[in-house]
Amino acid sequence: MYAIEFKSPIQEGGFLKIPEHYLPQLNGNVKVIIFTEEPTTSPDIIDRLMESPLPMSEGKPLSREEIYEPRI
């Protein structure tokens, strides 16, 4: 088995167009692996945490004074 690599937009119905010059090399079954580009927009971390807050096993929220207390 050997590999052929090319980029192709996904057409209506989920079809991929194989470049014409590769068609003579293809016969029988093929193995298809799809790599997709990363989405250009990622969800904001604050939005994600608001939707799914991280569980806290112990502790209590800090008071305003504790938050702004100078630290060494």
N, C-alpha and C. Protein backbone atom coordinates (compact mmCIF):
# COMPACT_ATOMS: atom_id res chain seq x y z
N MET A 1 0.86 -1.18 0.00
CA MET A 1 0.00 0.00 0.00
C MET A 1 0.89 1.23 0.00
N TYR A 2 0.56 2.23 -0.78
CA TYR A 2 1.29 3.48 -0.81
C TYR A 2 0.32 4.64 -0.62
N ALA A 3 0.86 5.79 -0.35
CA ALA A 3 0.02 6.95 0.00
C ALA A 3 0.00 7.97 -1.12
N ILE A 4 -1.14 8.59 -1.29
CA ILE A 4 -1.33 9.73 -2.18
C ILE A 4 -1.89 10.84 -1.30
N GLU A 5 -1.32 12.03 -1.40
CA GLU A 5 -1.79 13.13 -0.56
C GLU A 5 -2.21 14.30 -1.43
N PHE A 6 -3.37 14.86 -1.12
CA PHE A 6 -3.86 16.05 -1.81
C PHE A 6 -4.87 16.74 -0.93
N LYS A 7 -5.12 18.00 -1.19
CA LYS A 7 -6.14 18.76 -0.47
C LYS A 7 -7.36 18.89 -1.35
N SER A 8 -8.53 18.82 -0.72
CA SER A 8 -9.77 18.92 -1.48
C SER A 8 -10.86 19.49 -0.58
N PRO A 9 -11.63 20.43 -1.09
CA PRO A 9 -12.76 20.91 -0.31
C PRO A 9 -13.85 19.83 -0.27
N ILE A 10 -14.60 19.79 0.79
CA ILE A 10 -15.71 18.86 0.90
C ILE A 10 -16.87 19.45 0.13
N GLN A 11 -17.35 18.70 -0.84
CA GLN A 11 -18.45 19.18 -1.68
C GLN A 11 -19.79 18.79 -1.07
N GLU A 12 -20.86 19.30 -1.63
CA GLU A 12 -22.20 19.03 -1.13
C GLU A 12 -22.42 17.52 -1.03
N GLY A 13 -22.99 17.09 0.06
CA GLY A 13 -23.23 15.67 0.27
C GLY A 13 -22.04 14.94 0.86
N GLY A 14 -20.96 15.66 1.19
CA GLY A 14 -19.79 15.04 1.81
C GLY A 14 -18.83 14.39 0.83
N PHE A 15 -18.92 14.73 -0.45
CA PHE A 15 -18.06 14.12 -1.45
C PHE A 15 -16.72 14.85 -1.55
N LEU A 16 -15.67 14.09 -1.84
CA LEU A 16 -14.35 14.65 -2.10
C LEU A 16 -14.00 14.39 -3.56
N LYS A 17 -13.43 15.37 -4.22
CA LYS A 17 -13.02 15.20 -5.62
C LYS A 17 -11.57 14.76 -5.64
N ILE A 18 -11.31 13.61 -6.23
CA ILE A 18 -9.95 13.11 -6.38
C ILE A 18 -9.38 13.72 -7.66
N PRO A 19 -8.18 14.32 -7.57
CA PRO A 19 -7.60 14.91 -8.77
C PRO A 19 -7.48 13.88 -9.90
N GLU A 20 -7.76 14.33 -11.11
CA GLU A 20 -7.80 13.46 -12.30
C GLU A 20 -6.53 12.63 -12.47
N HIS A 21 -5.36 13.23 -12.21
CA HIS A 21 -4.11 12.52 -12.48
C HIS A 21 -3.85 11.36 -11.50
N TYR A 22 -4.61 11.25 -10.42
CA TYR A 22 -4.48 10.12 -9.50
C TYR A 22 -5.42 8.97 -9.86
N LEU A 23 -6.45 9.23 -10.61
CA LEU A 23 -7.47 8.22 -10.90
C LEU A 23 -6.90 6.94 -11.53
N PRO A 24 -5.96 7.01 -12.48
CA PRO A 24 -5.44 5.76 -13.04
C PRO A 24 -4.71 4.88 -12.03
N GLN A 25 -4.21 5.48 -10.95
CA GLN A 25 -3.48 4.71 -9.94
C GLN A 25 -4.42 4.01 -8.96
N LEU A 26 -5.68 4.38 -8.94
CA LEU A 26 -6.62 3.85 -7.96
C LEU A 26 -7.42 2.70 -8.56
N ASN A 27 -7.39 1.57 -7.88
CA ASN A 27 -8.24 0.45 -8.27
C ASN A 27 -8.54 -0.37 -7.03
N GLY A 28 -9.64 -1.06 -7.03
CA GLY A 28 -10.02 -1.86 -5.87
C GLY A 28 -10.39 -0.99 -4.69
N ASN A 29 -10.01 -1.44 -3.52
CA ASN A 29 -10.33 -0.72 -2.28
C ASN A 29 -9.23 0.27 -1.93
N VAL A 30 -9.61 1.33 -1.25
CA VAL A 30 -8.66 2.31 -0.74
C VAL A 30 -8.93 2.51 0.74
N LYS A 31 -7.93 2.95 1.44
CA LYS A 31 -8.07 3.30 2.86
C LYS A 31 -8.08 4.82 2.94
N VAL A 32 -9.08 5.38 3.58
CA VAL A 32 -9.24 6.84 3.64
C VAL A 32 -9.00 7.31 5.06
N ILE A 33 -8.11 8.28 5.21
CA ILE A 33 -7.85 8.94 6.49
C ILE A 33 -8.05 10.43 6.25
N ILE A 34 -8.86 11.07 7.07
CA ILE A 34 -9.16 12.49 6.87
C ILE A 34 -8.52 13.30 7.98
N PHE A 35 -7.72 14.27 7.59
CA PHE A 35 -7.15 15.25 8.51
C PHE A 35 -7.86 16.56 8.20
N THR A 36 -8.38 17.19 9.21
CA THR A 36 -9.08 18.46 8.99
C THR A 36 -8.30 19.58 9.65
N GLU A 37 -8.45 20.79 9.13
CA GLU A 37 -7.78 21.94 9.70
C GLU A 37 -8.44 22.32 11.02
N GLU A 38 -7.65 22.88 11.91
CA GLU A 38 -8.17 23.34 13.19
C GLU A 38 -9.19 24.45 12.97
N PRO A 39 -10.25 24.48 13.76
CA PRO A 39 -11.19 25.60 13.61
C PRO A 39 -10.50 26.92 13.90
N THR A 40 -10.90 27.95 13.18
CA THR A 40 -10.24 29.25 13.35
C THR A 40 -10.70 29.96 14.62
N THR A 41 -11.88 29.62 15.11
CA THR A 41 -12.34 30.24 16.35
C THR A 41 -12.48 29.15 17.40
N SER A 42 -11.96 29.42 18.56
CA SER A 42 -12.10 28.48 19.66
C SER A 42 -12.99 29.12 20.73
N PRO A 43 -13.70 28.28 21.47
CA PRO A 43 -14.57 28.86 22.50
C PRO A 43 -13.75 29.59 23.56
N ASP A 44 -14.28 30.68 24.02
CA ASP A 44 -13.63 31.44 25.06
C ASP A 44 -13.57 30.60 26.33
N ILE A 45 -12.43 30.62 27.02
CA ILE A 45 -12.25 29.81 28.24
C ILE A 45 -13.30 30.15 29.29
N ILE A 46 -13.67 31.41 29.39
CA ILE A 46 -14.68 31.81 30.38
C ILE A 46 -16.03 31.18 30.01
N ASP A 47 -16.39 31.21 28.74
CA ASP A 47 -17.63 30.58 28.31
C ASP A 47 -17.63 29.09 28.61
N ARG A 48 -16.49 28.44 28.34
CA ARG A 48 -16.40 26.99 28.61
C ARG A 48 -16.55 26.71 30.10
N LEU A 49 -15.90 27.52 30.95
CA LEU A 49 -15.99 27.29 32.40
C LEU A 49 -17.39 27.59 32.93
N MET A 50 -18.07 28.57 32.33
CA MET A 50 -19.44 28.86 32.76
C MET A 50 -20.38 27.70 32.40
N GLU A 51 -20.13 27.07 31.26
CA GLU A 51 -20.96 25.94 30.85
C GLU A 51 -20.64 24.69 31.66
N SER A 52 -19.36 24.48 31.96
CA SER A 52 -18.92 23.28 32.69
C SER A 52 -17.91 23.68 33.75
N PRO A 53 -18.39 24.16 34.91
CA PRO A 53 -17.44 24.59 35.94
C PRO A 53 -16.62 23.41 36.46
N LEU A 54 -15.40 23.71 36.87
CA LEU A 54 -14.54 22.68 37.44
C LEU A 54 -15.03 22.36 38.85
N PRO A 55 -15.13 21.08 39.19
CA PRO A 55 -15.59 20.72 40.53
C PRO A 55 -14.52 21.04 41.58
N MET A 56 -14.98 21.47 42.74
CA MET A 56 -14.07 21.73 43.87
C MET A 56 -14.42 20.74 44.97
N SER A 57 -13.42 20.00 45.42
CA SER A 57 -13.68 19.02 46.45
C SER A 57 -13.75 19.67 47.84
N GLU A 58 -12.90 20.63 48.09
CA GLU A 58 -12.87 21.29 49.40
C GLU A 58 -12.65 22.78 49.20
N GLY A 59 -12.71 23.48 50.30
CA GLY A 59 -12.38 24.90 50.27
C GLY A 59 -13.61 25.77 50.16
N LYS A 60 -13.36 27.05 50.36
CA LYS A 60 -14.42 28.03 50.25
C LYS A 60 -13.89 29.18 49.42
N PRO A 61 -14.76 29.92 48.80
CA PRO A 61 -14.29 31.06 48.01
C PRO A 61 -13.57 32.07 48.89
N LEU A 62 -12.57 32.73 48.34
CA LEU A 62 -11.85 33.77 49.08
C LEU A 62 -12.72 35.00 49.23
N SER A 63 -12.53 35.68 50.34
CA SER A 63 -13.22 36.96 50.54
C SER A 63 -12.50 38.03 49.72
N ARG A 64 -13.12 39.18 49.55
CA ARG A 64 -12.51 40.27 48.81
C ARG A 64 -11.18 40.67 49.47
N GLU A 65 -11.15 40.70 50.79
CA GLU A 65 -9.93 41.07 51.51
C GLU A 65 -8.83 40.05 51.25
N GLU A 66 -9.18 38.77 51.24
CA GLU A 66 -8.17 37.72 50.99
C GLU A 66 -7.65 37.79 49.56
N ILE A 67 -8.50 38.14 48.63
CA ILE A 67 -8.07 38.22 47.23
C ILE A 67 -7.03 39.32 47.05
N TYR A 68 -7.26 40.47 47.67
CA TYR A 68 -6.37 41.62 47.47
C TYR A 68 -5.30 41.75 48.56
N GLU A 69 -5.17 40.75 49.41
CA GLU A 69 -4.17 40.78 50.45
C GLU A 69 -2.77 40.72 49.83
N PRO A 70 -1.85 41.60 50.25
CA PRO A 70 -0.48 41.54 49.68
C PRO A 70 0.18 40.21 50.01
N ARG A 71 0.89 39.69 49.06
CA ARG A 71 1.60 38.41 49.26
C ARG A 71 3.09 38.64 49.09
N ILE A 72 3.82 37.83 49.78
CA ILE A 72 5.30 37.95 49.72
C ILE A 72 5.83 36.96 48.71
